[in-house]
Protein backbone atom coordinates (compact mmCIF):
# COMPACT_ATOMS: atom_id res chain seq x y z
CA MET A 1 6.29 -2.77 18.45
CA SER A 2 4.04 -5.74 18.65
CA MET A 3 4.88 -7.96 21.64
CA PHE A 4 2.60 -10.78 20.67
CA GLY A 5 3.19 -10.78 17.01
CA ASP A 6 7.01 -10.36 17.35
CA GLY A 7 7.01 -13.00 20.00
CA LEU A 8 5.20 -15.52 17.83
CA ASP A 9 7.68 -14.72 15.01
CA ALA A 10 10.66 -15.14 17.19
CA ALA A 11 9.40 -18.50 18.42
CA VAL A 12 9.12 -19.72 14.85
CA GLN A 13 12.46 -18.31 13.96
CA LYS A 14 14.18 -20.51 16.55
CA ALA A 15 13.36 -23.41 14.30
CA PHE A 16 15.50 -22.14 11.47
CA THR A 17 18.05 -24.69 10.36
CA ARG A 18 20.44 -22.24 8.75
CA PRO A 19 21.62 -18.79 9.89
CA VAL A 20 19.95 -15.72 8.32
CA PRO A 21 22.48 -13.76 6.10
CA LYS A 22 24.40 -11.35 8.16
CA SER A 23 26.07 -8.89 5.77
CA ALA A 24 23.95 -6.17 4.26
CA GLY A 25 25.10 -7.31 0.72
CA ALA A 26 24.07 -10.83 1.29
CA GLN A 27 20.65 -9.74 2.75
CA MET A 28 20.06 -7.45 -0.22
CA ARG A 29 21.02 -10.18 -2.72
CA TYR A 30 18.59 -12.53 -0.96
CA LEU A 31 15.74 -9.97 -1.16
CA VAL A 32 16.47 -9.14 -4.91
CA LYS A 33 16.37 -12.91 -5.64
CA GLN A 34 13.10 -13.42 -3.70
CA TYR A 35 11.29 -10.38 -5.23
CA LYS A 36 13.06 -11.00 -8.70
CA GLY A 37 14.27 -7.42 -9.07
CA THR A 38 15.89 -4.47 -7.52
CA LYS A 39 12.97 -1.99 -8.12
CA VAL A 40 10.46 -3.85 -5.74
CA VAL A 41 13.15 -4.19 -3.09
CA ALA A 42 14.01 -0.47 -3.33
CA GLN A 43 10.42 0.53 -2.97
CA MET A 44 9.93 -1.82 0.00
CA LEU A 45 13.00 -0.55 1.80
CA ARG A 46 12.33 3.05 0.87
CA VAL A 47 15.70 3.64 -0.86
CA SER A 48 16.65 4.29 -4.49
CA GLN A 49 17.01 1.40 -6.99
CA ARG A 50 20.70 2.47 -7.45
CA THR A 51 21.36 2.05 -3.70
CA VAL A 52 19.97 -1.53 -3.76
CA GLU A 53 22.24 -2.19 -6.80
CA ARG A 54 25.33 -0.93 -5.00
CA TYR A 55 24.58 -3.20 -1.94
CA VAL A 56 24.18 -6.09 -4.27
CA LYS A 57 27.62 -5.40 -5.75
CA ASP A 58 29.10 -4.77 -2.20
CA GLN A 59 29.97 -1.28 -3.13
CA ILE A 60 28.31 -0.21 -0.01
CA LYS A 61 28.79 -2.40 3.07
CA LYS A 62 27.44 -0.64 6.09
CA PRO A 63 23.74 0.60 5.97
CA ARG A 64 22.17 3.23 8.14
CA LYS A 65 20.70 1.99 11.40
CA ASP A 66 17.00 2.37 10.17
CA LEU A 67 17.81 0.73 6.75
CA ALA A 68 19.73 -2.15 8.55
CA GLU A 69 16.59 -2.86 10.76
CA ARG A 70 14.25 -2.81 7.85
CA LEU A 71 16.49 -5.04 5.82
CA GLU A 72 16.90 -7.48 8.74
CA ARG A 73 13.18 -7.59 9.38
CA GLU A 74 12.36 -8.16 5.64
CA VAL A 75 14.87 -11.02 5.32
CA ARG A 76 13.65 -12.70 8.40
CA LYS A 77 10.05 -12.49 7.11
CA LEU A 78 10.95 -14.60 4.10
CA TRP A 79 13.73 -16.80 5.39
CA GLN A 80 13.11 -20.57 5.26
CA PRO A 81 9.35 -20.50 4.53
CA GLN A 82 9.03 -24.30 4.56
CA ILE A 83 10.81 -24.61 7.97
CA ARG A 84 8.56 -21.82 9.27
CA ALA A 85 5.41 -23.58 7.98
CA LYS A 86 6.46 -26.95 9.41
CA ALA A 87 7.18 -25.38 12.80
CA LYS A 88 3.73 -23.74 12.93
CA GLN A 89 2.01 -27.01 11.73
CA THR A 90 3.75 -28.99 14.42
CA ALA A 91 2.76 -26.49 17.19
CA ALA A 92 -0.76 -26.38 15.84
CA THR A 93 -1.30 -30.01 15.68
CA THR A 94 0.89 -31.94 18.12
CA GLY A 95 3.47 -29.80 19.95
CA GLY A 96 1.63 -26.73 21.34
CA ILE A 97 3.38 -23.61 22.38
CA VAL A 98 4.96 -22.47 25.62
CA ILE A 99 4.24 -19.12 26.93
CA ASP A 100 6.45 -17.41 29.54
CA THR A 101 4.91 -14.07 30.71
CA ARG A 102 5.03 -11.66 33.65
CA ALA A 103 1.91 -9.57 33.62
CA ARG A 104 -1.05 -8.40 35.76
CA PHE A 105 -4.00 -10.77 35.61
CA GLY A 106 -7.50 -9.76 36.82
CA PHE A 107 -10.72 -11.75 36.79
CA THR A 108 -14.32 -11.35 36.21
CA ALA A 109 -16.00 -14.17 38.35
CA ALA A 110 -19.02 -15.01 40.41
CA PRO A 111 -20.11 -12.53 43.19
CA GLY A 112 -18.32 -12.89 46.49
CA THR A 113 -14.99 -13.95 44.94
CA THR A 114 -11.90 -11.89 44.64
CA ASP A 115 -11.22 -10.23 41.39
CA ASP A 116 -8.28 -8.03 42.39
CA ALA A 117 -5.71 -8.07 39.79
CA ARG A 118 -2.18 -9.03 40.74
CA LEU A 119 1.24 -9.50 39.14
CA ARG A 120 2.11 -13.11 38.21
CA HIS A 121 4.95 -14.84 36.30
CA LEU A 122 3.63 -17.77 34.45
CA THR A 123 5.42 -20.29 32.29
CA LEU A 124 2.79 -22.74 30.77
CA ALA A 125 2.55 -25.19 27.87
CA LEU A 126 -0.50 -24.39 25.92
CA PRO A 127 -2.23 -27.25 23.99
CA PRO A 128 -2.02 -27.28 20.18
CA HIS A 129 -5.38 -25.80 19.53
CA HIS A 130 -4.41 -22.59 21.33
CA ALA A 131 -1.15 -22.46 19.26
CA ALA A 132 -3.31 -22.86 16.12
CA ARG A 133 -5.62 -19.98 17.17
CA LEU A 134 -2.62 -17.71 17.79
CA PHE A 135 -0.91 -18.50 14.57
CA ASP A 136 -4.16 -18.41 12.51
CA ALA A 137 -5.03 -14.97 14.02
CA ARG A 138 -1.51 -13.67 13.45
CA GLU A 139 -1.60 -14.68 9.81
CA ALA A 140 -4.96 -13.16 9.39
CA GLY A 141 -3.70 -9.84 10.52
CA ALA A 142 -5.06 -9.66 14.01
CA THR A 143 -4.35 -6.66 16.16
CA GLU A 144 -2.14 -6.77 19.27
CA ASP A 145 -5.30 -6.50 21.39
CA GLN A 146 -6.88 -9.50 19.62
CA LEU A 147 -3.77 -11.58 20.04
CA ARG A 148 -3.67 -10.51 23.76
CA GLN A 149 -7.33 -11.71 24.23
CA ILE A 150 -6.60 -15.02 22.54
CA ALA A 151 -3.64 -15.54 24.89
CA ALA A 152 -5.67 -14.47 28.00
CA GLU A 153 -8.39 -16.95 27.07
CA ALA A 154 -5.78 -19.70 26.71
CA LEU A 155 -4.24 -18.91 29.97
CA GLY A 156 -7.59 -18.62 31.54
CA GLU A 157 -8.45 -22.15 30.40
CA VAL A 158 -5.14 -23.87 31.00
CA TYR A 159 -4.03 -22.31 34.26
CA PHE A 160 -6.91 -20.60 36.05
CA ARG A 161 -9.72 -22.93 35.11
CA ASP A 162 -7.53 -25.97 34.86
CA SER A 163 -9.06 -27.18 31.56
CA GLY A 164 -12.53 -26.95 32.94
CA ARG A 165 -11.95 -28.66 36.30
CA ARG A 166 -12.45 -25.52 38.39
CA ALA A 167 -13.42 -21.83 38.41
CA HIS A 168 -16.15 -22.24 35.87
CA GLY A 169 -17.23 -18.94 34.34
CA LEU A 170 -13.94 -17.15 35.19
CA GLU A 171 -12.93 -14.60 32.69
CA VAL A 172 -9.25 -13.50 32.66
CA GLU A 173 -7.88 -9.96 31.94
CA PHE A 174 -4.21 -9.78 30.76
CA THR A 175 -2.80 -6.36 31.42
CA ASP A 176 0.43 -4.56 32.37
CA LEU A 177 2.55 -6.86 30.32
CA GLU A 178 6.18 -6.75 31.62
CA HIS A 179 7.61 -9.74 29.83
CA LEU A 180 6.41 -12.07 27.09
CA GLU A 181 8.14 -14.95 25.29
CA PHE A 182 6.92 -17.84 23.15
CA ASP A 183 8.64 -21.15 22.48
CA LEU A 184 7.70 -24.02 20.46
């Protein structure tokens, strides 16, 4: 599970204007329409083409738990792409992104200062350029560690260095993540 990647996706999904299809048949029909065929959907969901056809015709109504999760995930990935793009664009240009986290923060700083890591709960609005970096990295396929590093740099700049007004040269380590949530 990717906390950062999934958290960014969940923040964007809050911008949806219509609910995601709930029934397995409706979800399957949506995927078949998007991918223009049952064969591609069957391969993607790792089921037979006949199984997909049976869901489309509502001959099967209740999928197995693992299939239901894959189906839900794939539908959410494709749902309302224009709304998703607009929400990301707004966050990256004007709105920024809010991060709510409880994690251990440690520091690399000048000699003589304390760098002991401690648990903190932070809720901060990050400026648009940080949101743009996070979304761009996510779309480029950044790993969880890379997204964590980008978030640590953003928190370091906004909270710990106060946008360059104090603690110059302070590098922030973001570890022992207990809670993470993004909001636009």
